[in-house]
Amino acid sequence: MKKTLLALIASTFTCAGLALASPDKTEITTGTGIGQRIPQFAAQATDVSGGKPKTVEIDSHKTTRPTIYIFVGTHCPATAAYAERLVQLEKTYGPKGVDLIYLYPNNEDTSGAQLAFHDEKKFTGKLIDDHGARLARLLNAQHTTELFLVNKDGIIVYHGAIDDSRDPDAVKQRYLITALDETLAGKPVTTTASQVFA
């Protein structure tokens, strides 16, 4: 049964449901809107890229690479539907200098379940255990598979869905891929937001 974000704090995260640049970074406000610097947070993450999981520190204001922060759930149908596309994103954009960080806000997703899910889906991006939905609330995220793309300076340039269909054969708009390509090319992102599947 789907639950609202208010219920999320106590139980389960809802299952998928103009970038402005300033040369003076001190003038950029912090927040969750497009063109704002992502709120600062520090968290312990698990890095599985080397085979053996290890703990690393993540600071959202110390990243120097374009980064995708995506909320996922081990039992979420939308997360499962996008798993292969997420693996392909890692393979294509990791070598281009893009980081993908998975955040697990559902209380029933234990640390062991998160690691097992990562292994099963062959994810290599770092994972953050967001029990209590602290980071979900900080970023005002509402659904699993909801994501934020920030550029190398930590500015939010895209917020929303990966694309326009859970069915990979029905996809017409590849929002995230387009935003990544434009960001890496140093261009403004043309579509900065999209509806996340509820």
N, C-alpha and C. Protein backbone atom coordinates (compact mmCIF):
# COMPACT_ATOMS: atom_id res chain seq x y z
N MET A 1 0.84 -1.18 0.00
CA MET A 1 0.00 0.00 0.00
C MET A 1 0.89 1.24 0.00
N LYS A 2 0.60 2.21 -0.91
CA LYS A 2 1.41 3.40 -1.00
C LYS A 2 1.10 4.34 0.15
N LYS A 3 2.11 5.09 0.57
CA LYS A 3 1.92 5.99 1.69
C LYS A 3 2.46 7.35 1.33
N THR A 4 1.97 8.37 1.97
CA THR A 4 2.41 9.72 1.72
C THR A 4 3.76 9.95 2.38
N LEU A 5 4.38 11.08 2.03
CA LEU A 5 5.68 11.40 2.60
C LEU A 5 5.60 11.57 4.11
N LEU A 6 4.46 12.06 4.61
CA LEU A 6 4.33 12.19 6.06
C LEU A 6 4.38 10.82 6.72
N ALA A 7 3.76 9.84 6.07
CA ALA A 7 3.80 8.49 6.64
C ALA A 7 5.17 7.88 6.47
N LEU A 8 5.90 8.34 5.46
CA LEU A 8 7.23 7.82 5.17
C LEU A 8 8.16 7.90 6.36
N ILE A 9 8.07 9.00 7.10
CA ILE A 9 8.99 9.20 8.21
C ILE A 9 8.90 8.04 9.20
N ALA A 10 7.71 7.48 9.33
CA ALA A 10 7.54 6.39 10.27
C ALA A 10 7.57 5.03 9.60
N SER A 11 7.35 4.99 8.28
CA SER A 11 7.26 3.67 7.67
C SER A 11 7.93 3.58 6.31
N THR A 12 7.17 3.80 5.23
CA THR A 12 7.66 3.44 3.90
C THR A 12 7.64 4.62 2.96
N PHE A 13 8.69 4.75 2.16
CA PHE A 13 8.79 5.78 1.14
C PHE A 13 7.82 5.47 0.02
N THR A 14 7.14 6.49 -0.51
CA THR A 14 6.18 6.28 -1.58
C THR A 14 6.87 5.71 -2.80
N CYS A 15 6.40 4.62 -3.29
CA CYS A 15 7.03 3.98 -4.43
C CYS A 15 6.59 4.66 -5.70
N ALA A 16 7.53 4.95 -6.54
CA ALA A 16 7.27 5.62 -7.79
C ALA A 16 5.98 5.24 -8.38
N GLY A 17 5.97 7.07 -7.37
CA GLY A 17 4.91 7.93 -7.78
C GLY A 17 5.38 9.03 -8.70
N LEU A 18 14.93 26.41 -15.20
CA LEU A 18 16.01 26.95 -16.02
C LEU A 18 17.26 27.02 -15.14
N ALA A 19 18.18 26.10 -15.43
CA ALA A 19 19.39 26.11 -14.63
C ALA A 19 20.05 27.48 -14.73
N LEU A 20 20.20 28.18 -13.60
CA LEU A 20 20.79 29.50 -13.61
C LEU A 20 22.19 29.42 -13.03
N ALA A 21 23.16 29.86 -13.80
CA ALA A 21 24.55 29.80 -13.34
C ALA A 21 24.99 31.19 -12.93
N SER A 22 25.77 31.27 -11.87
CA SER A 22 26.33 32.53 -11.43
C SER A 22 27.83 32.36 -11.26
N PRO A 23 28.61 33.31 -11.79
CA PRO A 23 30.05 33.18 -11.65
C PRO A 23 30.52 33.27 -10.19
N ASP A 24 29.70 33.89 -9.34
CA ASP A 24 30.05 34.01 -7.93
C ASP A 24 29.24 32.99 -7.14
N LYS A 25 29.90 31.93 -6.71
CA LYS A 25 29.19 30.85 -6.03
C LYS A 25 28.54 31.31 -4.73
N THR A 26 29.04 32.39 -4.12
CA THR A 26 28.45 32.84 -2.86
C THR A 26 27.05 33.41 -3.09
N GLU A 27 26.70 33.75 -4.33
CA GLU A 27 25.39 34.32 -4.62
C GLU A 27 24.36 33.23 -4.90
N ILE A 28 24.78 31.99 -5.05
CA ILE A 28 23.85 30.91 -5.35
C ILE A 28 23.22 30.43 -4.05
N THR A 29 21.90 30.45 -4.01
CA THR A 29 21.21 30.01 -2.81
C THR A 29 21.23 28.50 -2.70
N THR A 30 21.05 28.02 -1.49
CA THR A 30 20.99 26.58 -1.25
C THR A 30 19.53 26.17 -1.10
N GLY A 31 19.19 25.06 -1.75
CA GLY A 31 17.81 24.58 -1.68
C GLY A 31 17.62 23.40 -2.60
N THR A 32 16.37 23.11 -2.91
CA THR A 32 16.08 21.94 -3.74
C THR A 32 15.55 22.33 -5.11
N GLY A 33 15.57 23.61 -5.43
CA GLY A 33 15.09 24.07 -6.73
C GLY A 33 16.17 24.03 -7.79
N ILE A 34 15.73 24.03 -9.03
CA ILE A 34 16.68 24.09 -10.15
C ILE A 34 17.49 25.38 -10.06
N GLY A 35 18.79 25.26 -10.25
CA GLY A 35 19.66 26.43 -10.17
C GLY A 35 20.18 26.71 -8.77
N GLN A 36 19.69 25.97 -7.78
CA GLN A 36 20.17 26.14 -6.41
C GLN A 36 21.23 25.09 -6.09
N ARG A 37 22.08 25.44 -5.14
CA ARG A 37 23.07 24.47 -4.68
C ARG A 37 22.36 23.46 -3.78
N ILE A 38 22.63 22.18 -4.00
CA ILE A 38 21.96 21.14 -3.22
C ILE A 38 22.25 21.36 -1.74
N PRO A 39 21.27 21.14 -0.87
CA PRO A 39 21.52 21.31 0.57
C PRO A 39 22.72 20.48 1.03
N GLN A 40 23.44 21.01 1.97
CA GLN A 40 24.60 20.28 2.46
C GLN A 40 24.16 19.16 3.39
N PHE A 41 24.72 18.00 3.13
CA PHE A 41 24.53 16.88 4.05
C PHE A 41 25.77 16.01 4.03
N ALA A 42 26.02 15.39 5.15
CA ALA A 42 27.11 14.43 5.25
C ALA A 42 26.49 13.10 5.63
N ALA A 43 26.99 12.04 5.03
CA ALA A 43 26.44 10.71 5.31
C ALA A 43 27.50 9.66 5.06
N GLN A 44 27.37 8.57 5.80
CA GLN A 44 28.21 7.41 5.52
C GLN A 44 27.57 6.63 4.38
N ALA A 45 28.38 6.25 3.41
CA ALA A 45 27.89 5.48 2.28
C ALA A 45 28.69 4.20 2.18
N THR A 46 28.11 3.22 1.50
CA THR A 46 28.82 1.97 1.24
C THR A 46 29.25 1.96 -0.21
N ASP A 47 30.55 1.76 -0.41
CA ASP A 47 31.13 1.68 -1.75
C ASP A 47 31.33 0.21 -2.10
N VAL A 48 30.63 -0.26 -3.12
CA VAL A 48 30.72 -1.67 -3.51
C VAL A 48 31.53 -1.85 -4.80
N SER A 49 32.09 -0.77 -5.32
CA SER A 49 32.74 -0.83 -6.63
C SER A 49 33.98 -1.70 -6.64
N GLY A 50 34.61 -1.88 -5.48
CA GLY A 50 35.83 -2.68 -5.44
C GLY A 50 35.60 -4.15 -5.15
N GLY A 51 34.33 -4.56 -5.09
CA GLY A 51 34.02 -5.95 -4.80
C GLY A 51 33.66 -6.14 -3.34
N LYS A 52 34.58 -5.77 -2.45
CA LYS A 52 34.31 -5.87 -1.02
C LYS A 52 33.77 -4.53 -0.52
N PRO A 53 32.56 -4.51 0.07
CA PRO A 53 31.97 -3.24 0.53
C PRO A 53 32.86 -2.53 1.54
N LYS A 54 32.96 -1.23 1.39
CA LYS A 54 33.70 -0.42 2.37
C LYS A 54 32.93 0.86 2.63
N THR A 55 33.11 1.41 3.82
CA THR A 55 32.41 2.63 4.21
C THR A 55 33.21 3.86 3.78
N VAL A 56 32.52 4.80 3.17
CA VAL A 56 33.13 6.06 2.76
C VAL A 56 32.23 7.21 3.21
N GLU A 57 32.80 8.39 3.31
CA GLU A 57 32.05 9.57 3.71
C GLU A 57 31.61 10.35 2.47
N ILE A 58 30.36 10.78 2.48
CA ILE A 58 29.82 11.61 1.40
C ILE A 58 29.48 12.97 1.98
N ASP A 59 29.94 14.02 1.32
CA ASP A 59 29.55 15.39 1.68
C ASP A 59 29.05 16.05 0.41
N SER A 60 27.79 16.42 0.39
CA SER A 60 27.18 16.94 -0.83
C SER A 60 27.81 18.24 -1.31
N HIS A 61 28.51 18.95 -0.44
CA HIS A 61 29.15 20.20 -0.84
C HIS A 61 30.63 20.03 -1.15
N LYS A 62 31.10 18.80 -1.14
CA LYS A 62 32.50 18.55 -1.48
C LYS A 62 32.65 17.71 -2.74
N THR A 63 31.54 17.46 -3.41
CA THR A 63 31.63 16.71 -4.66
C THR A 63 32.22 17.59 -5.75
N THR A 64 33.01 17.00 -6.61
CA THR A 64 33.64 17.75 -7.70
C THR A 64 33.29 17.16 -9.06
N ARG A 65 32.33 16.23 -9.06
CA ARG A 65 31.90 15.59 -10.30
C ARG A 65 30.38 15.68 -10.41
N PRO A 66 29.86 15.69 -11.63
CA PRO A 66 28.40 15.60 -11.76
C PRO A 66 27.91 14.36 -11.00
N THR A 67 26.82 14.52 -10.25
CA THR A 67 26.35 13.43 -9.39
C THR A 67 24.84 13.28 -9.51
N ILE A 68 24.40 12.02 -9.60
CA ILE A 68 22.98 11.69 -9.60
C ILE A 68 22.67 11.11 -8.23
N TYR A 69 21.74 11.74 -7.52
CA TYR A 69 21.23 11.20 -6.26
C TYR A 69 19.85 10.62 -6.55
N ILE A 70 19.69 9.31 -6.39
CA ILE A 70 18.41 8.68 -6.72
C ILE A 70 17.90 7.86 -5.54
N PHE A 71 16.62 8.03 -5.23
CA PHE A 71 15.97 7.29 -4.15
C PHE A 71 15.41 5.98 -4.70
N VAL A 72 15.71 4.89 -4.02
CA VAL A 72 15.30 3.56 -4.49
C VAL A 72 14.77 2.73 -3.32
N GLY A 73 14.10 1.62 -3.66
CA GLY A 73 13.60 0.70 -2.65
C GLY A 73 13.73 -0.72 -3.14
N THR A 74 14.09 -1.61 -2.25
CA THR A 74 14.33 -3.00 -2.65
C THR A 74 13.06 -3.71 -3.08
N HIS A 75 11.89 -3.24 -2.61
CA HIS A 75 10.62 -3.88 -2.95
C HIS A 75 9.77 -3.02 -3.88
N CYS A 76 10.33 -1.96 -4.41
CA CYS A 76 9.57 -1.02 -5.24
C CYS A 76 9.52 -1.50 -6.68
N PRO A 77 8.35 -1.68 -7.27
CA PRO A 77 8.26 -2.10 -8.67
C PRO A 77 8.93 -1.14 -9.64
N ALA A 78 8.86 0.16 -9.34
CA ALA A 78 9.50 1.14 -10.23
C ALA A 78 11.02 0.98 -10.21
N THR A 79 11.58 0.78 -9.02
CA THR A 79 13.03 0.57 -8.92
C THR A 79 13.42 -0.67 -9.72
N ALA A 80 12.65 -1.74 -9.57
CA ALA A 80 12.95 -2.97 -10.31
C ALA A 80 12.85 -2.74 -11.82
N ALA A 81 11.85 -1.96 -12.24
CA ALA A 81 11.66 -1.71 -13.67
C ALA A 81 12.82 -0.92 -14.27
N TYR A 82 13.45 -0.09 -13.45
CA TYR A 82 14.54 0.76 -13.94
C TYR A 82 15.93 0.18 -13.69
N ALA A 83 16.02 -0.96 -13.05
CA ALA A 83 17.33 -1.50 -12.65
C ALA A 83 18.30 -1.63 -13.82
N GLU A 84 17.86 -2.22 -14.91
CA GLU A 84 18.77 -2.41 -16.04
C GLU A 84 19.20 -1.08 -16.64
N ARG A 85 18.29 -0.12 -16.66
CA ARG A 85 18.65 1.20 -17.19
C ARG A 85 19.65 1.91 -16.27
N LEU A 86 19.51 1.69 -14.96
CA LEU A 86 20.47 2.29 -14.03
C LEU A 86 21.86 1.68 -14.20
N VAL A 87 21.92 0.37 -14.41
CA VAL A 87 23.21 -0.28 -14.65
C VAL A 87 23.83 0.27 -15.92
N GLN A 88 23.04 0.46 -16.94
CA GLN A 88 23.56 1.00 -18.20
C GLN A 88 24.06 2.43 -18.02
N LEU A 89 23.34 3.21 -17.22
CA LEU A 89 23.79 4.57 -16.92
C LEU A 89 25.16 4.55 -16.24
N GLU A 90 25.33 3.65 -15.28
CA GLU A 90 26.62 3.53 -14.60
C GLU A 90 27.73 3.20 -15.60
N LYS A 91 27.46 2.25 -16.47
CA LYS A 91 28.49 1.81 -17.42
C LYS A 91 28.83 2.90 -18.44
N THR A 92 27.81 3.67 -18.84
CA THR A 92 28.03 4.70 -19.86
C THR A 92 28.62 5.98 -19.29
N TYR A 93 28.10 6.41 -18.14
CA TYR A 93 28.48 7.73 -17.63
C TYR A 93 29.52 7.70 -16.51
N GLY A 94 29.72 6.55 -15.87
CA GLY A 94 30.80 6.45 -14.90
C GLY A 94 32.15 6.80 -15.50
N PRO A 95 32.50 6.21 -16.66
CA PRO A 95 33.78 6.55 -17.29
C PRO A 95 33.87 8.00 -17.75
N LYS A 96 32.73 8.67 -17.85
CA LYS A 96 32.73 10.08 -18.26
C LYS A 96 32.80 11.02 -17.06
N GLY A 97 32.95 10.43 -15.86
CA GLY A 97 33.13 11.26 -14.68
C GLY A 97 31.87 11.59 -13.92
N VAL A 98 30.84 10.75 -14.06
CA VAL A 98 29.58 10.97 -13.35
C VAL A 98 29.43 9.95 -12.23
N ASP A 99 29.04 10.40 -11.05
CA ASP A 99 28.79 9.51 -9.92
C ASP A 99 27.29 9.27 -9.77
N LEU A 100 26.93 8.07 -9.39
CA LEU A 100 25.54 7.74 -9.10
C LEU A 100 25.45 7.22 -7.68
N ILE A 101 24.64 7.90 -6.86
CA ILE A 101 24.50 7.53 -5.46
C ILE A 101 23.05 7.14 -5.19
N TYR A 102 22.88 5.95 -4.65
CA TYR A 102 21.55 5.41 -4.35
C TYR A 102 21.21 5.68 -2.89
N LEU A 103 20.02 6.18 -2.63
CA LEU A 103 19.57 6.43 -1.26
C LEU A 103 18.36 5.55 -0.98
N TYR A 104 18.43 4.79 0.12
CA TYR A 104 17.37 3.86 0.52
C TYR A 104 16.63 4.42 1.73
N PRO A 105 15.43 5.02 1.55
CA PRO A 105 14.72 5.63 2.67
C PRO A 105 13.71 4.72 3.37
N ASN A 106 13.45 3.53 2.83
CA ASN A 106 12.42 2.67 3.40
C ASN A 106 12.93 1.96 4.65
N ASN A 107 12.15 2.04 5.72
CA ASN A 107 12.57 1.43 6.98
C ASN A 107 12.72 -0.08 6.90
N GLU A 108 11.94 -0.72 6.03
CA GLU A 108 12.03 -2.19 5.94
C GLU A 108 13.26 -2.66 5.15
N ASP A 109 13.94 -1.73 4.46
CA ASP A 109 15.15 -2.10 3.72
C ASP A 109 16.35 -2.09 4.66
N THR A 110 16.65 -3.24 5.25
CA THR A 110 17.78 -3.33 6.15
C THR A 110 19.08 -3.14 5.38
N SER A 111 20.16 -2.91 6.10
CA SER A 111 21.47 -2.76 5.45
C SER A 111 21.81 -3.99 4.64
N GLY A 112 21.51 -5.17 5.20
CA GLY A 112 21.78 -6.41 4.47
C GLY A 112 20.95 -6.52 3.20
N ALA A 113 19.68 -6.10 3.28
CA ALA A 113 18.81 -6.15 2.10
C ALA A 113 19.28 -5.18 1.02
N GLN A 114 19.78 -4.03 1.44
CA GLN A 114 20.29 -3.06 0.48
C GLN A 114 21.50 -3.62 -0.26
N LEU A 115 22.43 -4.19 0.48
CA LEU A 115 23.62 -4.77 -0.15
C LEU A 115 23.26 -5.93 -1.07
N ALA A 116 22.32 -6.77 -0.63
CA ALA A 116 21.90 -7.89 -1.46
C ALA A 116 21.23 -7.41 -2.73
N PHE A 117 20.43 -6.36 -2.62
CA PHE A 117 19.74 -5.79 -3.78
C PHE A 117 20.76 -5.20 -4.75
N HIS A 118 21.73 -4.48 -4.22
CA HIS A 118 22.80 -3.91 -5.05
C HIS A 118 23.53 -5.02 -5.82
N ASP A 119 23.83 -6.10 -5.11
CA ASP A 119 24.54 -7.22 -5.73
C ASP A 119 23.67 -7.89 -6.79
N GLU A 120 22.41 -8.11 -6.46
CA GLU A 120 21.50 -8.77 -7.39
C GLU A 120 21.32 -7.96 -8.68
N LYS A 121 21.17 -6.64 -8.53
CA LYS A 121 20.93 -5.78 -9.69
C LYS A 121 22.22 -5.34 -10.38
N LYS A 122 23.37 -5.69 -9.77
CA LYS A 122 24.68 -5.35 -10.32
C LYS A 122 24.93 -3.83 -10.34
N PHE A 123 24.41 -3.14 -9.33
CA PHE A 123 24.70 -1.73 -9.17
C PHE A 123 26.12 -1.57 -8.64
N THR A 124 26.81 -0.56 -9.12
CA THR A 124 28.16 -0.28 -8.62
C THR A 124 28.25 1.08 -7.92
N GLY A 125 27.20 1.90 -8.03
CA GLY A 125 27.20 3.20 -7.36
C GLY A 125 27.14 3.06 -5.86
N LYS A 126 27.60 4.07 -5.16
CA LYS A 126 27.57 4.06 -3.69
C LYS A 126 26.12 4.06 -3.21
N LEU A 127 25.91 3.49 -2.01
CA LEU A 127 24.56 3.48 -1.44
C LEU A 127 24.57 4.10 -0.06
N ILE A 128 23.49 4.82 0.22
CA ILE A 128 23.31 5.46 1.52
C ILE A 128 22.05 4.89 2.16
N ASP A 129 22.19 4.41 3.38
CA ASP A 129 21.06 3.93 4.16
C ASP A 129 20.38 5.16 4.78
N ASP A 130 19.22 5.53 4.25
CA ASP A 130 18.52 6.73 4.70
C ASP A 130 17.33 6.39 5.59
N HIS A 131 17.49 5.40 6.48
CA HIS A 131 16.42 5.05 7.41
C HIS A 131 15.95 6.30 8.15
N GLY A 132 14.64 6.45 8.27
CA GLY A 132 14.09 7.66 8.87
C GLY A 132 13.85 8.74 7.85
N ALA A 133 14.33 8.51 6.61
CA ALA A 133 14.12 9.44 5.49
C ALA A 133 14.65 10.84 5.78
N ARG A 134 15.75 10.92 6.50
CA ARG A 134 16.34 12.24 6.81
C ARG A 134 16.68 13.00 5.53
N LEU A 135 17.36 12.32 4.60
CA LEU A 135 17.77 12.99 3.38
C LEU A 135 16.60 13.18 2.42
N ALA A 136 15.66 12.24 2.45
CA ALA A 136 14.46 12.41 1.62
C ALA A 136 13.72 13.68 2.04
N ARG A 137 13.59 13.89 3.35
CA ARG A 137 12.92 15.08 3.84
C ARG A 137 13.74 16.34 3.54
N LEU A 138 15.05 16.25 3.67
CA LEU A 138 15.91 17.40 3.38
C LEU A 138 15.77 17.85 1.93
N LEU A 139 15.68 16.87 1.02
CA LEU A 139 15.58 17.19 -0.40
C LEU A 139 14.14 17.30 -0.88
N ASN A 140 13.20 17.09 0.03
CA ASN A 140 11.78 17.13 -0.30
C ASN A 140 11.44 16.13 -1.41
N ALA A 141 12.03 14.94 -1.32
CA ALA A 141 11.76 13.88 -2.29
C ALA A 141 10.49 13.13 -1.87
N GLN A 142 9.70 12.72 -2.85
CA GLN A 142 8.41 12.11 -2.58
C GLN A 142 8.31 10.64 -3.00
N HIS A 143 9.12 10.20 -3.93
CA HIS A 143 8.96 8.87 -4.51
C HIS A 143 10.29 8.16 -4.68
N THR A 144 10.25 6.84 -4.72
CA THR A 144 11.43 6.11 -5.17
C THR A 144 11.51 6.24 -6.68
N THR A 145 12.73 6.19 -7.18
CA THR A 145 13.20 6.51 -8.54
C THR A 145 13.19 8.01 -8.82
N GLU A 146 12.83 8.82 -7.83
CA GLU A 146 12.98 10.28 -7.97
C GLU A 146 14.46 10.61 -7.85
N LEU A 147 14.94 11.52 -8.68
CA LEU A 147 16.38 11.80 -8.67
C LEU A 147 16.67 13.28 -8.81
N PHE A 148 17.87 13.62 -8.37
CA PHE A 148 18.43 14.95 -8.53
C PHE A 148 19.76 14.82 -9.25
N LEU A 149 19.95 15.58 -10.30
CA LEU A 149 21.25 15.64 -10.98
C LEU A 149 21.88 16.98 -10.64
N VAL A 150 23.08 16.93 -10.06
CA VAL A 150 23.82 18.16 -9.78
C VAL A 150 25.07 18.19 -10.64
N ASN A 151 25.48 19.39 -11.02
CA ASN A 151 26.70 19.51 -11.82
C ASN A 151 27.92 19.44 -10.92
N LYS A 152 29.09 19.64 -11.49
CA LYS A 152 30.33 19.47 -10.72
C LYS A 152 30.45 20.49 -9.59
N ASP A 153 29.68 21.58 -9.66
CA ASP A 153 29.70 22.60 -8.61
C ASP A 153 28.59 22.38 -7.58
N GLY A 154 27.85 21.28 -7.71
CA GLY A 154 26.80 20.98 -6.76
C GLY A 154 25.49 21.70 -7.01
N ILE A 155 25.33 22.28 -8.20
CA ILE A 155 24.10 22.99 -8.55
C ILE A 155 23.10 22.01 -9.16
N ILE A 156 21.87 22.04 -8.69
CA ILE A 156 20.84 21.15 -9.22
C ILE A 156 20.45 21.61 -10.62
N VAL A 157 20.65 20.74 -11.59
CA VAL A 157 20.33 21.09 -12.97
C VAL A 157 19.16 20.28 -13.53
N TYR A 158 18.80 19.21 -12.82
CA TYR A 158 17.63 18.42 -13.24
C TYR A 158 17.06 17.71 -12.02
N HIS A 159 15.73 17.61 -11.97
CA HIS A 159 15.04 16.92 -10.88
C HIS A 159 13.81 16.24 -11.45
N GLY A 160 13.69 14.93 -11.21
CA GLY A 160 12.51 14.24 -11.70
C GLY A 160 12.75 12.77 -11.96
N ALA A 161 12.20 12.31 -13.08
CA ALA A 161 12.26 10.90 -13.46
C ALA A 161 13.42 10.62 -14.39
N ILE A 162 13.76 9.35 -14.51
CA ILE A 162 14.81 8.94 -15.44
C ILE A 162 14.36 9.18 -16.87
N ASP A 163 13.13 8.75 -17.17
CA ASP A 163 12.56 8.95 -18.51
C ASP A 163 11.05 8.97 -18.37
N ASP A 164 10.33 8.81 -19.48
CA ASP A 164 8.88 8.98 -19.43
C ASP A 164 8.07 7.68 -19.41
N SER A 165 8.72 6.53 -19.18
CA SER A 165 7.96 5.28 -19.12
C SER A 165 8.71 4.21 -18.34
N ARG A 166 7.98 3.50 -17.48
CA ARG A 166 8.59 2.35 -16.81
C ARG A 166 8.94 1.27 -17.82
N ASP A 167 8.15 1.19 -18.89
CA ASP A 167 8.38 0.20 -19.94
C ASP A 167 9.49 0.69 -20.85
N PRO A 168 10.65 0.05 -20.88
CA PRO A 168 11.77 0.55 -21.69
C PRO A 168 11.45 0.63 -23.18
N ASP A 169 10.52 -0.20 -23.64
CA ASP A 169 10.16 -0.18 -25.06
C ASP A 169 9.23 0.98 -25.41
N ALA A 170 8.68 1.63 -24.41
CA ALA A 170 7.74 2.73 -24.65
C ALA A 170 8.35 4.10 -24.40
N VAL A 171 9.63 4.16 -24.07
CA VAL A 171 10.27 5.43 -23.74
C VAL A 171 10.38 6.32 -24.97
N LYS A 172 9.94 7.56 -24.81
CA LYS A 172 10.08 8.56 -25.88
C LYS A 172 11.00 9.71 -25.45
N GLN A 173 10.97 10.03 -24.15
CA GLN A 173 11.78 11.12 -23.64
C GLN A 173 12.77 10.59 -22.61
N ARG A 174 14.06 10.70 -22.92
CA ARG A 174 15.11 10.25 -21.99
C ARG A 174 15.66 11.47 -21.25
N TYR A 175 14.87 11.92 -20.25
CA TYR A 175 15.17 13.17 -19.58
C TYR A 175 16.57 13.20 -18.96
N LEU A 176 16.90 12.15 -18.21
CA LEU A 176 18.17 12.16 -17.48
C LEU A 176 19.35 12.09 -18.44
N ILE A 177 19.27 11.22 -19.44
CA ILE A 177 20.37 11.10 -20.39
C ILE A 177 20.60 12.42 -21.11
N THR A 178 19.52 13.07 -21.53
CA THR A 178 19.66 14.37 -22.20
C THR A 178 20.30 15.39 -21.27
N ALA A 179 19.84 15.43 -20.01
CA ALA A 179 20.40 16.37 -19.04
C ALA A 179 21.88 16.09 -18.78
N LEU A 180 22.24 14.81 -18.70
CA LEU A 180 23.65 14.44 -18.49
C LEU A 180 24.50 14.89 -19.67
N ASP A 181 24.04 14.61 -20.87
CA ASP A 181 24.82 14.98 -22.06
C ASP A 181 25.01 16.49 -22.15
N GLU A 182 23.95 17.23 -21.86
CA GLU A 182 24.04 18.69 -21.91
C GLU A 182 24.96 19.21 -20.82
N THR A 183 24.87 18.64 -19.63
CA THR A 183 25.72 19.07 -18.52
C THR A 183 27.19 18.80 -18.82
N LEU A 184 27.48 17.61 -19.32
CA LEU A 184 28.87 17.26 -19.63
C LEU A 184 29.43 18.10 -20.76
N ALA A 185 28.55 18.58 -21.64
CA ALA A 185 28.99 19.43 -22.75
C ALA A 185 29.07 20.90 -22.35
N GLY A 186 28.72 21.19 -21.09
CA GLY A 186 28.76 22.57 -20.63
C GLY A 186 27.61 23.41 -21.13
N LYS A 187 26.52 22.77 -21.52
CA LYS A 187 25.35 23.47 -22.04
C LYS A 187 24.26 23.56 -20.97
N PRO A 188 23.35 24.54 -21.10
CA PRO A 188 22.20 24.59 -20.19
C PRO A 188 21.32 23.37 -20.42
N VAL A 189 20.71 22.87 -19.36
CA VAL A 189 19.81 21.73 -19.47
C VAL A 189 18.46 22.24 -19.99
N THR A 190 17.97 21.65 -21.07
CA THR A 190 16.75 22.13 -21.70
C THR A 190 15.48 21.70 -20.95
N THR A 191 15.45 20.45 -20.47
CA THR A 191 14.32 19.99 -19.66
C THR A 191 14.85 19.77 -18.25
N THR A 192 14.47 20.65 -17.34
CA THR A 192 15.05 20.64 -15.99
C THR A 192 14.23 19.88 -14.97
N ALA A 193 12.99 19.52 -15.33
CA ALA A 193 12.14 18.81 -14.38
C ALA A 193 11.13 17.93 -15.12
N SER A 194 10.71 16.86 -14.45
CA SER A 194 9.70 15.97 -15.03
C SER A 194 8.92 15.31 -13.90
N GLN A 195 7.79 14.74 -14.27
CA GLN A 195 6.92 14.06 -13.29
C GLN A 195 7.47 12.69 -12.97
N VAL A 196 7.57 12.38 -11.68
CA VAL A 196 8.00 11.05 -11.25
C VAL A 196 6.78 10.17 -11.10
N PHE A 197 6.88 8.92 -11.54
CA PHE A 197 5.75 8.00 -11.47
C PHE A 197 5.38 7.73 -10.02
N ALA A 198 4.09 7.84 -9.72
CA ALA A 198 3.61 7.59 -8.36
C ALA A 198 3.04 6.19 -8.25
